[in-house]
PDB file of N, CA and C in Angstrom:
ATOM      1  N   MET A   1      61.677  28.934  39.740  1.00  0.00           N
ATOM      2  CA  MET A   1      63.077  28.634  39.362  1.00  0.00           C
ATOM      3  C   MET A   1      63.956  29.709  39.048  1.00  0.00           C
ATOM      4  N   PRO A   2      65.333  29.651  39.222  1.00  0.00           N
ATOM      5  CA  PRO A   2      65.942  31.228  39.270  1.00  0.00           C
ATOM      6  C   PRO A   2      66.670  30.878  37.948  1.00  0.00           C
ATOM      7  N   ALA A   3      67.200  32.163  37.229  1.00  0.00           N
ATOM      8  CA  ALA A   3      67.897  31.920  36.204  1.00  0.00           C
ATOM      9  C   ALA A   3      69.210  31.296  36.201  1.00  0.00           C
ATOM     10  N   SER A   4      69.896  30.578  35.613  1.00  0.00           N
ATOM     11  CA  SER A   4      70.742  29.661  35.426  1.00  0.00           C
ATOM     12  C   SER A   4      71.799  30.030  34.739  1.00  0.00           C
ATOM     13  N   LEU A   5      72.908  29.679  34.908  1.00  0.00           N
ATOM     14  CA  LEU A   5      74.221  29.918  33.793  1.00  0.00           C
ATOM     15  C   LEU A   5      74.056  29.599  32.585  1.00  0.00           C
ATOM     16  N   SER A   6      73.203  28.626  32.105  1.00  0.00           N
ATOM     17  CA  SER A   6      72.905  28.371  31.024  1.00  0.00           C
ATOM     18  C   SER A   6      71.973  29.451  30.495  1.00  0.00           C
ATOM     19  N   ASP A   7      71.250  29.885  31.182  1.00  0.00           N
ATOM     20  CA  ASP A   7      70.297  31.283  30.773  1.00  0.00           C
ATOM     21  C   ASP A   7      71.488  32.442  30.392  1.00  0.00           C
ATOM     22  N   GLN A   8      72.183  32.901  31.251  1.00  0.00           N
ATOM     23  CA  GLN A   8      73.219  33.691  30.677  1.00  0.00           C
ATOM     24  C   GLN A   8      73.970  33.347  29.500  1.00  0.00           C
ATOM     25  N   ASN A   9      74.647  32.306  29.462  1.00  0.00           N
ATOM     26  CA  ASN A   9      75.626  32.046  28.062  1.00  0.00           C
ATOM     27  C   ASN A   9      74.575  32.063  27.343  1.00  0.00           C
ATOM     28  N   VAL A  10      73.083  31.607  27.001  1.00  0.00           N
ATOM     29  CA  VAL A  10      72.527  31.978  25.648  1.00  0.00           C
ATOM     30  C   VAL A  10      72.455  33.293  25.426  1.00  0.00           C
ATOM     31  N   LEU A  11      72.156  34.292  26.692  1.00  0.00           N
ATOM     32  CA  LEU A  11      72.023  35.782  26.403  1.00  0.00           C
ATOM     33  C   LEU A  11      73.210  36.202  26.076  1.00  0.00           C
ATOM     34  N   SER A  12      74.159  35.665  26.383  1.00  0.00           N
ATOM     35  CA  SER A  12      75.074  36.506  26.132  1.00  0.00           C
ATOM     36  C   SER A  12      75.400  36.464  24.788  1.00  0.00           C
ATOM     37  N   GLY A  13      75.024  35.603  23.741  1.00  0.00           N
ATOM     38  CA  GLY A  13      75.444  35.268  22.444  1.00  0.00           C
ATOM     39  C   GLY A  13      74.740  36.061  21.831  1.00  0.00           C
ATOM     40  N   ASP A  14      72.929  36.263  21.914  1.00  0.00           N
ATOM     41  CA  ASP A  14      72.491  36.853  21.402  1.00  0.00           C
ATOM     42  C   ASP A  14      72.837  37.971  20.518  1.00  0.00           C
ATOM     43  N   PRO A  15      72.629  38.224  19.270  1.00  0.00           N
ATOM     44  CA  PRO A  15      73.243  39.527  18.466  1.00  0.00           C
ATOM     45  C   PRO A  15      72.669  40.594  18.529  1.00  0.00           C
ATOM     46  N   GLY A  16      71.348  40.725  19.070  1.00  0.00           N
ATOM     47  CA  GLY A  16      70.546  41.683  19.017  1.00  0.00           C
ATOM     48  C   GLY A  16      71.010  42.432  20.869  1.00  0.00           C
ATOM     49  N   PHE A  17      71.180  41.536  21.522  1.00  0.00           N
ATOM     50  CA  PHE A  17      71.530  41.693  22.913  1.00  0.00           C
ATOM     51  C   PHE A  17      73.182  42.434  22.767  1.00  0.00           C
ATOM     52  N   ILE A  18      73.886  41.692  22.279  1.00  0.00           N
ATOM     53  CA  ILE A  18      75.281  42.247  21.948  1.00  0.00           C
ATOM     54  C   ILE A  18      75.227  43.518  21.080  1.00  0.00           C
ATOM     55  N   GLY A  19      74.426  44.002  20.396  1.00  0.00           N
ATOM     56  CA  GLY A  19      74.708  45.263  19.857  1.00  0.00           C
ATOM     57  C   GLY A  19      74.185  46.148  20.637  1.00  0.00           C
ATOM     58  N   ARG A  20      73.469  45.871  21.463  1.00  0.00           N
ATOM     59  CA  ARG A  20      72.494  46.804  22.580  1.00  0.00           C
ATOM     60  C   ARG A  20      73.719  47.278  23.838  1.00  0.00           C
ATOM     61  N   VAL A  21      74.438  46.025  24.091  1.00  0.00           N
ATOM     62  CA  VAL A  21      75.714  46.160  25.042  1.00  0.00           C
ATOM     63  C   VAL A  21      76.565  46.862  24.507  1.00  0.00           C
ATOM     64  N   ARG A  22      76.764  46.712  23.243  1.00  0.00           N
ATOM     65  CA  ARG A  22      77.986  47.498  22.380  1.00  0.00           C
ATOM     66  C   ARG A  22      77.491  49.017  22.648  1.00  0.00           C
ATOM     67  N   ALA A  23      76.123  49.313  22.413  1.00  0.00           N
ATOM     68  CA  ALA A  23      75.979  50.810  22.108  1.00  0.00           C
ATOM     69  C   ALA A  23      75.894  51.350  23.847  1.00  0.00           C
ATOM     70  N   ALA A  24      75.745  50.509  24.389  1.00  0.00           N
ATOM     71  CA  ALA A  24      75.659  51.136  26.171  1.00  0.00           C
ATOM     72  C   ALA A  24      76.926  51.241  26.533  1.00  0.00           C
ATOM     73  N   MET A  25      78.497  50.374  25.980  1.00  0.00           N
ATOM     74  CA  MET A  25      79.734  50.693  26.054  1.00  0.00           C
ATOM     75  C   MET A  25      80.110  51.814  25.750  1.00  0.00           C
ATOM     76  N   ILE A  26      79.743  51.795  24.425  1.00  0.00           N
ATOM     77  CA  ILE A  26      79.800  53.407  24.179  1.00  0.00           C
ATOM     78  C   ILE A  26      79.675  54.454  24.295  1.00  0.00           C
ATOM     79  N   SER A  27      78.250  54.496  24.840  1.00  0.00           N
ATOM     80  CA  SER A  27      77.844  55.742  25.533  1.00  0.00           C
ATOM     81  C   SER A  27      78.419  55.675  27.125  1.00  0.00           C
ATOM     82  N   THR A  28      78.868  54.808  27.884  1.00  0.00           N
ATOM     83  CA  THR A  28      79.578  54.643  29.019  1.00  0.00           C
ATOM     84  C   THR A  28      81.122  55.403  28.747  1.00  0.00           C
ATOM     85  N   SER A  29      81.461  54.608  28.030  1.00  0.00           N
ATOM     86  CA  SER A  29      83.223  55.210  27.415  1.00  0.00           C
ATOM     87  C   SER A  29      83.250  56.555  27.172  1.00  0.00           C
ATOM     88  N   LEU A  30      82.152  57.354  26.207  1.00  0.00           N
ATOM     89  CA  LEU A  30      82.257  58.730  26.215  1.00  0.00           C
ATOM     90  C   LEU A  30      81.679  59.505  27.501  1.00  0.00           C
ATOM     91  N   THR A  31      80.928  59.291  28.384  1.00  0.00           N
ATOM     92  CA  THR A  31      80.356  59.534  29.680  1.00  0.00           C
ATOM     93  C   THR A  31      82.123  59.613  30.615  1.00  0.00           C
ATOM     94  N   ILE A  32      82.864  58.822  30.383  1.00  0.00           N
ATOM     95  CA  ILE A  32      84.142  58.739  31.106  1.00  0.00           C
ATOM     96  C   ILE A  32      85.003  59.621  30.873  1.00  0.00           C
ATOM     97  N   LYS A  33      85.012  59.409  29.335  1.00  0.00           N
ATOM     98  CA  LYS A  33      85.911  60.448  28.777  1.00  0.00           C
ATOM     99  C   LYS A  33      85.836  62.350  29.398  1.00  0.00           C
ATOM    100  N   LEU A  34      84.616  62.336  29.684  1.00  0.00           N
ATOM    101  CA  LEU A  34      84.108  63.917  30.505  1.00  0.00           C
ATOM    102  C   LEU A  34      84.271  63.842  31.707  1.00  0.00           C
ATOM    103  N   GLU A  35      84.359  62.795  32.664  1.00  0.00           N
ATOM    104  CA  GLU A  35      84.932  62.846  34.290  1.00  0.00           C
ATOM    105  C   GLU A  35      85.945  63.751  34.486  1.00  0.00           C
ATOM    106  N   SER A  36      85.682  64.170  35.730  1.00  0.00           N
ATOM    107  CA  SER A  36      86.766  65.013  36.202  1.00  0.00           C
ATOM    108  C   SER A  36      87.878  64.382  36.587  1.00  0.00           C
ATOM    109  N   PRO A  37      89.061  64.365  36.353  1.00  0.00           N
ATOM    110  CA  PRO A  37      90.139  63.400  36.806  1.00  0.00           C
ATOM    111  C   PRO A  37      90.489  63.615  38.204  1.00  0.00           C
ATOM    112  N   LEU A  38      89.878  64.838  38.570  1.00  0.00           N
ATOM    113  CA  LEU A  38      90.289  65.036  40.118  1.00  0.00           C
ATOM    114  C   LEU A  38      89.447  64.631  41.221  1.00  0.00           C
ATOM    115  N   THR A  39      88.310  64.010  40.541  1.00  0.00           N
ATOM    116  CA  THR A  39      87.374  63.687  41.591  1.00  0.00           C
ATOM    117  C   THR A  39      87.074  61.904  41.453  1.00  0.00           C
ATOM    118  N   VAL A  40      87.136  61.485  40.473  1.00  0.00           N
ATOM    119  CA  VAL A  40      87.043  60.371  39.697  1.00  0.00           C
ATOM    120  C   VAL A  40      87.970  59.376  40.306  1.00  0.00           C
ATOM    121  N   PRO A  41      87.901  58.711  41.343  1.00  0.00           N
ATOM    122  CA  PRO A  41      88.864  57.331  41.463  1.00  0.00           C
ATOM    123  C   PRO A  41      89.232  56.332  39.985  1.00  0.00           C
ATOM    124  N   PHE A  42      90.937  56.351  39.802  1.00  0.00           N
ATOM    125  CA  PHE A  42      91.096  55.666  38.804  1.00  0.00           C
ATOM    126  C   PHE A  42      90.641  56.352  37.492  1.00  0.00           C
ATOM    127  N   HIS A  43      90.507  57.481  37.312  1.00  0.00           N
ATOM    128  CA  HIS A  43      90.062  58.141  36.135  1.00  0.00           C
ATOM    129  C   HIS A  43      91.171  58.129  35.094  1.00  0.00           C
ATOM    130  N   ARG A  44      92.334  58.161  35.129  1.00  0.00           N
ATOM    131  CA  ARG A  44      93.506  58.095  34.247  1.00  0.00           C
ATOM    132  C   ARG A  44      93.287  56.453  33.498  1.00  0.00           C
ATOM    133  N   GLU A  45      93.234  55.669  34.557  1.00  0.00           N
ATOM    134  CA  GLU A  45      93.107  53.996  33.671  1.00  0.00           C
ATOM    135  C   GLU A  45      91.525  53.930  33.618  1.00  0.00           C
ATOM    136  N   ARG A  46      90.262  54.223  33.835  1.00  0.00           N
ATOM    137  CA  ARG A  46      88.832  54.523  33.191  1.00  0.00           C
ATOM    138  C   ARG A  46      89.179  55.135  32.023  1.00  0.00           C
ATOM    139  N   GLU A  47      89.837  56.079  31.853  1.00  0.00           N
ATOM    140  CA  GLU A  47      89.878  57.038  30.452  1.00  0.00           C
ATOM    141  C   GLU A  47      90.406  56.291  29.327  1.00  0.00           C
ATOM    142  N   THR A  48      91.904  56.017  29.846  1.00  0.00           N
ATOM    143  CA  THR A  48      92.705  55.008  29.215  1.00  0.00           C
ATOM    144  C   THR A  48      91.912  53.764  28.211  1.00  0.00           C
ATOM    145  N   TYR A  49      91.530  52.879  29.432  1.00  0.00           N
ATOM    146  CA  TYR A  49      90.155  52.023  28.602  1.00  0.00           C
ATOM    147  C   TYR A  49      88.921  52.295  27.717  1.00  0.00           C
ATOM    148  N   ALA A  50      88.554  53.605  28.313  1.00  0.00           N
ATOM    149  CA  ALA A  50      87.220  54.047  27.587  1.00  0.00           C
ATOM    150  C   ALA A  50      87.752  54.323  25.929  1.00  0.00           C
ATOM    151  N   VAL A  51      89.196  54.788  25.556  1.00  0.00           N
ATOM    152  CA  VAL A  51      89.653  55.146  24.626  1.00  0.00           C
ATOM    153  C   VAL A  51      89.819  53.605  24.126  1.00  0.00           C
ATOM    154  N   ALA A  52      90.335  52.820  24.389  1.00  0.00           N
ATOM    155  CA  ALA A  52      90.423  51.670  23.671  1.00  0.00           C
ATOM    156  C   ALA A  52      88.906  51.190  23.042  1.00  0.00           C
ATOM    157  N   VAL A  53      87.979  50.933  24.166  1.00  0.00           N
ATOM    158  CA  VAL A  53      86.575  50.725  23.862  1.00  0.00           C
ATOM    159  C   VAL A  53      86.234  51.373  22.764  1.00  0.00           C
ATOM    160  N   LEU A  54      86.421  52.882  22.657  1.00  0.00           N
ATOM    161  CA  LEU A  54      85.858  53.956  21.848  1.00  0.00           C
ATOM    162  C   LEU A  54      86.562  53.556  20.081  1.00  0.00           C
ATOM    163  N   ASN A  55      87.813  53.374  20.242  1.00  0.00           N
ATOM    164  CA  ASN A  55      88.623  52.883  18.888  1.00  0.00           C
ATOM    165  C   ASN A  55      87.996  51.400  18.381  1.00  0.00           C
ATOM    166  N   SER A  56      87.780  50.816  19.062  1.00  0.00           N
ATOM    167  CA  SER A  56      87.621  49.336  18.643  1.00  0.00           C
ATOM    168  C   SER A  56      86.562  48.525  19.506  1.00  0.00           C
ATOM    169  N   PRO A  57      85.196  49.021  19.432  1.00  0.00           N
ATOM    170  CA  PRO A  57      84.062  48.697  20.602  1.00  0.00           C
ATOM    171  C   PRO A  57      83.768  46.924  20.022  1.00  0.00           C
ATOM    172  N   ASP A  58      83.949  46.513  18.805  1.00  0.00           N
ATOM    173  CA  ASP A  58      83.903  45.031  18.486  1.00  0.00           C
ATOM    174  C   ASP A  58      84.751  44.261  19.053  1.00  0.00           C
ATOM    175  N   THR A  59      85.936  44.760  19.413  1.00  0.00           N
ATOM    176  CA  THR A  59      86.909  43.947  20.312  1.00  0.00           C
ATOM    177  C   THR A  59      86.504  43.320  21.729  1.00  0.00           C
ATOM    178  N   PHE A  60      85.684  44.707  22.316  1.00  0.00           N
ATOM    179  CA  PHE A  60      85.244  44.505  23.627  1.00  0.00           C
ATOM    180  C   PHE A  60      83.864  43.897  23.872  1.00  0.00           C
ATOM    181  N   LYS A  61      82.902  43.961  22.906  1.00  0.00           N
ATOM    182  CA  LYS A  61      81.552  43.695  22.650  1.00  0.00           C
ATOM    183  C   LYS A  61      81.438  42.391  23.266  1.00  0.00           C
ATOM    184  N   SER A  62      82.051  41.421  23.150  1.00  0.00           N
ATOM    185  CA  SER A  62      81.698  40.069  23.834  1.00  0.00           C
ATOM    186  C   SER A  62      82.225  40.037  25.511  1.00  0.00           C
ATOM    187  N   THR A  63      83.428  40.704  25.582  1.00  0.00           N
ATOM    188  CA  THR A  63      83.495  40.826  27.193  1.00  0.00           C
ATOM    189  C   THR A  63      82.406  41.361  27.783  1.00  0.00           C
ATOM    190  N   PHE A  64      82.148  42.693  27.260  1.00  0.00           N
ATOM    191  CA  PHE A  64      80.839  43.337  28.082  1.00  0.00           C
ATOM    192  C   PHE A  64      79.477  42.367  27.788  1.00  0.00           C
ATOM    193  N   ALA A  65      79.217  41.993  26.884  1.00  0.00           N
ATOM    194  CA  ALA A  65      77.999  41.072  26.890  1.00  0.00           C
ATOM    195  C   ALA A  65      78.067  39.819  27.796  1.00  0.00           C
ATOM    196  N   ASN A  66      79.255  39.289  28.043  1.00  0.00           N
ATOM    197  CA  ASN A  66      79.552  38.200  29.015  1.00  0.00           C
ATOM    198  C   ASN A  66      78.958  38.908  30.576  1.00  0.00           C
ATOM    199  N   ILE A  67      79.724  39.634  30.573  1.00  0.00           N
ATOM    200  CA  ILE A  67      79.617  40.474  32.073  1.00  0.00           C
ATOM    201  C   ILE A  67      78.237  40.885  32.369  1.00  0.00           C
ATOM    202  N   VAL A  68      77.772  41.468  31.454  1.00  0.00           N
ATOM    203  CA  VAL A  68      76.272  42.150  31.653  1.00  0.00           C
ATOM    204  C   VAL A  68      75.114  41.184  31.442  1.00  0.00           C
ATOM    205  N   SER A  69      75.280  39.968  31.134  1.00  0.00           N
ATOM    206  CA  SER A  69      74.372  38.714  31.130  1.00  0.00           C
ATOM    207  C   SER A  69      74.213  38.074  32.167  1.00  0.00           C
ATOM    208  N   GLY A  70      75.035  38.596  32.987  1.00  0.00           N
ATOM    209  CA  GLY A  70      75.213  37.891  34.604  1.00  0.00           C
ATOM    210  C   GLY A  70      74.629  38.952  35.505  1.00  0.00           C
ATOM    211  N   ASP A  71      74.491  40.049  35.212  1.00  0.00           N
ATOM    212  CA  ASP A  71      73.978  41.005  35.949  1.00  0.00           C
ATOM    213  C   ASP A  71      72.500  40.331  36.152  1.00  0.00           C
ATOM    214  N   ALA A  72      72.186  40.759  37.539  1.00  0.00           N
ATOM    215  CA  ALA A  72      71.004  40.252  38.109  1.00  0.00           C
ATOM    216  C   ALA A  72      69.481  41.043  37.585  1.00  0.00           C
ATOM    217  N   GLY A  73      69.966  42.031  37.241  1.00  0.00           N
ATOM    218  CA  GLY A  73      68.314  42.915  36.705  1.00  0.00           C
ATOM    219  C   GLY A  73      68.346  42.345  35.269  1.00  0.00           C
ATOM    220  N   VAL A  74      69.196  42.582  34.428  1.00  0.00           N
ATOM    221  CA  VAL A  74      69.603  41.851  33.347  1.00  0.00           C
ATOM    222  C   VAL A  74      68.882  40.720  33.173  1.00  0.00           C
ATOM    223  N   ILE A  75      69.690  39.379  33.613  1.00  0.00           N
ATOM    224  CA  ILE A  75      69.226  38.310  33.565  1.00  0.00           C
ATOM    225  C   ILE A  75      67.599  37.935  34.260  1.00  0.00           C
ATOM    226  N   SER A  76      67.181  39.020  35.182  1.00  0.00           N
ATOM    227  CA  SER A  76      65.862  38.675  35.399  1.00  0.00           C
ATOM    228  C   SER A  76      64.748  39.010  34.464  1.00  0.00           C
ATOM    229  N   ASP A  77      65.337  39.998  33.884  1.00  0.00           N
ATOM    230  CA  ASP A  77      64.161  40.877  32.532  1.00  0.00           C
ATOM    231  C   ASP A  77      64.101  39.689  31.426  1.00  0.00           C
ATOM    232  N   ALA A  78      65.665  39.063  31.126  1.00  0.00           N
ATOM    233  CA  ALA A  78      65.382  38.300  30.121  1.00  0.00           C
ATOM    234  C   ALA A  78      64.405  36.603  30.373  1.00  0.00           C
ATOM    235  N   THR A  79      64.578  36.451  31.527  1.00  0.00           N
ATOM    236  CA  THR A  79      64.003  34.976  31.978  1.00  0.00           C
ATOM    237  C   THR A  79      62.623  35.053  32.475  1.00  0.00           C
ATOM    238  N   ALA A  80      62.012  36.615  32.697  1.00  0.00           N
ATOM    239  CA  ALA A  80      60.984  36.862  33.430  1.00  0.00           C
ATOM    240  C   ALA A  80      60.976  36.644  34.777  1.00  0.00           C
ATOM    241  N   ALA A  81      61.770  37.074  35.303  1.00  0.00           N
ATOM    242  CA  ALA A  81      62.298  36.779  36.865  1.00  0.00           C
ATOM    243  C   ALA A  81      62.388  35.075  37.129  1.00  0.00           C
ATOM    244  N   GLY A  82      63.315  34.322  36.324  1.00  0.00           N
ATOM    245  CA  GLY A  82      63.762  32.976  36.087  1.00  0.00           C
ATOM    246  C   GLY A  82      62.248  32.071  36.182  1.00  0.00           C
ATOM    247  N   THR A  83      61.297  32.462  35.388  1.00  0.00           N
ATOM    248  CA  THR A  83      60.002  31.548  34.917  1.00  0.00           C
ATOM    249  C   THR A  83      60.285  31.270  33.371  1.00  0.00           C
ATOM    250  N   VAL A  84      61.068  31.889  32.533  1.00  0.00           N
ATOM    251  CA  VAL A  84      61.549  31.196  31.375  1.00  0.00           C
ATOM    252  C   VAL A  84      62.774  30.756  31.138  1.00  0.00           C
ATOM    253  N   VAL A  85      63.058  29.584  30.529  1.00  0.00           N
ATOM    254  CA  VAL A  85      64.417  29.169  30.327  1.00  0.00           C
ATOM    255  C   VAL A  85      64.727  29.616  28.897  1.00  0.00           C
ATOM    256  N   LEU A  86      65.838  30.088  28.945  1.00  0.00           N
ATOM    257  CA  LEU A  86      66.347  30.796  27.367  1.00  0.00           C
ATOM    258  C   LEU A  86      66.954  29.783  26.641  1.00  0.00           C
ATOM    259  N   THR A  87      66.214  29.635  25.313  1.00  0.00           N
ATOM    260  CA  THR A  87      66.984  28.883  24.081  1.00  0.00           C
ATOM    261  C   THR A  87      67.232  29.267  22.937  1.00  0.00           C
ATOM    262  N   GLY A  88      67.806  28.623  22.477  1.00  0.00           N
ATOM    263  CA  GLY A  88      68.139  29.931  20.727  1.00  0.00           C
ATOM    264  C   GLY A  88      66.901  29.950  19.962  1.00  0.00           C
ATOM    265  N   ALA A  89      65.824  29.131  20.674  1.00  0.00           N
ATOM    266  CA  ALA A  89      64.413  29.909  19.521  1.00  0.00           C
ATOM    267  C   ALA A  89      63.782  30.860  20.430  1.00  0.00           C
ATOM    268  N   ASN A  90      63.811  31.289  21.737  1.00  0.00           N
ATOM    269  CA  ASN A  90      63.448  32.343  22.312  1.00  0.00           C
ATOM    270  C   ASN A  90      64.091  33.320  22.620  1.00  0.00           C
ATOM    271  N   VAL A  91      65.520  33.494  22.500  1.00  0.00           N
ATOM    272  CA  VAL A  91      66.396  34.231  22.895  1.00  0.00           C
ATOM    273  C   VAL A  91      66.231  35.709  22.540  1.00  0.00           C
ATOM    274  N   ALA A  92      65.927  35.912  21.285  1.00  0.00           N
ATOM    275  CA  ALA A  92      65.775  37.281  20.738  1.00  0.00           C
ATOM    276  C   ALA A  92      64.577  37.996  21.220  1.00  0.00           C
ATOM    277  N   ALA A  93      63.501  37.114  21.506  1.00  0.00           N
ATOM    278  CA  ALA A  93      61.938  37.673  21.864  1.00  0.00           C
ATOM    279  C   ALA A  93      62.236  38.150  23.440  1.00  0.00           C
ATOM    280  N   GLN A  94      63.234  37.147  24.108  1.00  0.00           N
ATOM    281  CA  GLN A  94      63.147  37.484  25.829  1.00  0.00           C
ATOM    282  C   GLN A  94      64.300  38.577  25.739  1.00  0.00           C
ATOM    283  N   ALA A  95      65.226  38.663  25.106  1.00  0.00           N
ATOM    284  CA  ALA A  95      66.801  39.533  25.116  1.00  0.00           C
ATOM    285  C   ALA A  95      65.789  41.187  24.728  1.00  0.00           C
ATOM    286  N   ALA A  96      64.756  41.191  24.135  1.00  0.00           N
ATOM    287  CA  ALA A  96      64.287  42.430  23.873  1.00  0.00           C
ATOM    288  C   ALA A  96      63.326  43.040  25.142  1.00  0.00           C
ATOM    289  N   LEU A  97      63.013  41.813  26.027  1.00  0.00           N
ATOM    290  CA  LEU A  97      62.552  42.509  27.162  1.00  0.00           C
ATOM    291  C   LEU A  97      63.281  43.034  28.270  1.00  0.00           C
ATOM    292  N   VAL A  98      64.685  42.887  28.105  1.00  0.00           N
ATOM    293  CA  VAL A  98      66.003  43.690  28.728  1.00  0.00           C
ATOM    294  C   VAL A  98      65.470  45.232  28.881  1.00  0.00           C
ATOM    295  N   THR A  99      65.534  45.657  29.961  1.00  0.00           N
ATOM    296  CA  THR A  99      65.648  47.376  29.658  1.00  0.00           C
ATOM    297  C   THR A  99      67.103  48.126  29.418  1.00  0.00           C
ATOM    298  N   ASP A 100      66.695  49.099  28.538  1.00  0.00           N
ATOM    299  CA  ASP A 100      68.000  49.648  28.211  1.00  0.00           C
ATOM    300  C   ASP A 100      68.436  50.211  29.191  1.00  0.00           C
ATOM    301  N   ALA A 101      68.138  50.458  30.326  1.00  0.00           N
ATOM    302  CA  ALA A 101      68.363  50.994  31.567  1.00  0.00           C
ATOM    303  C   ALA A 101      69.287  50.157  32.446  1.00  0.00           C
ATOM    304  N   HIS A 102      68.621  48.723  32.744  1.00  0.00           N
ATOM    305  CA  HIS A 102      69.246  47.824  33.224  1.00  0.00           C
ATOM    306  C   HIS A 102      70.505  47.474  32.538  1.00  0.00           C
ATOM    307  N   ILE A 103      70.601  47.280  31.040  1.00  0.00           N
ATOM    308  CA  ILE A 103      72.053  47.053  30.324  1.00  0.00           C
ATOM    309  C   ILE A 103      73.036  48.402  30.690  1.00  0.00           C
ATOM    310  N   ALA A 104      72.689  49.454  30.781  1.00  0.00           N
ATOM    311  CA  ALA A 104      73.443  50.744  30.641  1.00  0.00           C
ATOM    312  C   ALA A 104      74.092  50.538  32.026  1.00  0.00           C
ATOM    313  N   ALA A 105      73.197  50.058  33.274  1.00  0.00           N
ATOM    314  CA  ALA A 105      73.764  50.305  34.672  1.00  0.00           C
ATOM    315  C   ALA A 105      74.647  48.987  34.674  1.00  0.00           C
ATOM    316  N   ALA A 106      74.284  47.725  34.206  1.00  0.00           N
ATOM    317  CA  ALA A 106      75.303  46.731  34.299  1.00  0.00           C
ATOM    318  C   ALA A 106      76.504  46.980  33.717  1.00  0.00           C
ATOM    319  N   VAL A 107      76.634  47.667  32.219  1.00  0.00           N
ATOM    320  CA  VAL A 107      77.700  48.256  31.777  1.00  0.00           C
ATOM    321  C   VAL A 107      78.290  49.185  32.426  1.00  0.00           C
ATOM    322  N   ASN A 108      78.067  50.174  33.214  1.00  0.00           N
ATOM    323  CA  ASN A 108      78.751  51.122  33.930  1.00  0.00           C
ATOM    324  C   ASN A 108      78.908  50.351  35.532  1.00  0.00           C
ATOM    325  N   ASN A 109      78.383  49.686  35.824  1.00  0.00           N
ATOM    326  CA  ASN A 109      78.696  48.624  37.262  1.00  0.00           C
ATOM    327  C   ASN A 109      79.701  48.377  37.010  1.00  0.00           C
ATOM    328  N   SER A 110      80.143  47.530  35.856  1.00  0.00           N
ATOM    329  CA  SER A 110      81.223  46.451  35.350  1.00  0.00           C
ATOM    330  C   SER A 110      82.582  47.274  34.966  1.00  0.00           C
ATOM    331  N   TYR A 111      82.566  48.400  34.761  1.00  0.00           N
ATOM    332  CA  TYR A 111      83.564  49.046  34.028  1.00  0.00           C
ATOM    333  C   TYR A 111      84.813  49.110  34.923  1.00  0.00           C
ATOM    334  N   ASN A 112      84.789  49.054  36.181  1.00  0.00           N
ATOM    335  CA  ASN A 112      86.175  49.327  36.525  1.00  0.00           C
ATOM    336  C   ASN A 112      86.674  47.939  36.792  1.00  0.00           C
ATOM    337  N   SER A 113      85.954  46.993  36.554  1.00  0.00           N
ATOM    338  CA  SER A 113      86.705  45.786  36.621  1.00  0.00           C
ATOM    339  C   SER A 113      87.201  45.078  35.504  1.00  0.00           C
ATOM    340  N   LEU A 114      87.270  45.791  34.397  1.00  0.00           N
ATOM    341  CA  LEU A 114      87.829  45.549  33.343  1.00  0.00           C
ATOM    342  C   LEU A 114      89.226  46.096  32.870  1.00  0.00           C
ATOM    343  N   PHE A 115      89.887  46.683  33.782  1.00  0.00           N
ATOM    344  CA  PHE A 115      91.173  47.631  33.587  1.00  0.00           C
ATOM    345  C   PHE A 115      91.994  47.163  34.732  1.00  0.00           C
ATOM    346  N   ARG A 116      93.377  47.181  34.636  1.00  0.00           N
ATOM    347  CA  ARG A 116      94.272  46.702  35.732  1.00  0.00           C
ATOM    348  C   ARG A 116      94.602  48.124  35.971  1.00  0.00           C
ATOM    349  N   THR A 117      94.287  48.038  37.399  1.00  0.00           N
ATOM    350  CA  THR A 117      95.177  49.335  38.291  1.00  0.00           C
ATOM    351  C   THR A 117      96.387  49.353  38.676  1.00  0.00           C
ATOM    352  N   PRO A 118      96.873  50.419  38.612  1.00  0.00           N
ATOM    353  CA  PRO A 118      98.455  50.529  38.991  1.00  0.00           C
ATOM    354  C   PRO A 118      98.641  49.931  40.338  1.00  0.00           C
ATOM    355  N   MET A 119      99.895  48.974  40.556  1.00  0.00           N
ATOM    356  CA  MET A 119     100.416  48.357  41.771  1.00  0.00           C
ATOM    357  C   MET A 119     100.580  49.740  42.950  1.00  0.00           C
ATOM    358  N   ALA A 120     100.266  49.612  44.096  1.00  0.00           N
ATOM    359  CA  ALA A 120     100.204  50.455  45.253  1.00  0.00           C
ATOM    360  C   ALA A 120     102.014  50.432  45.326  1.00  0.00           C
TER     361      ALA A 120
END
């Protein structure tokens, strides 16, 4: 049985998971601040968003947690490849199975979808 939207919803609300996502978004934002503006597309927009995230991470953590919980690797880890249904009773234990690498990759991969690009 594949993971469901319900599983993603339950995972996205777990405080431990949210805290780990918050840490990953701060790390990614710090990395973005060090990017080369000459070689990274949308660097200016990425940097502006990164500064906002760094200045107020709690404002952004729910948005990132919602997105990250839907990442295929993340939800597969949490649901043991779709074999465990997430509930309020087991979500903390299951969320602990999600690797830091999967969370970090999901944050990094979703970053550009969270800011507005300039009109051409």
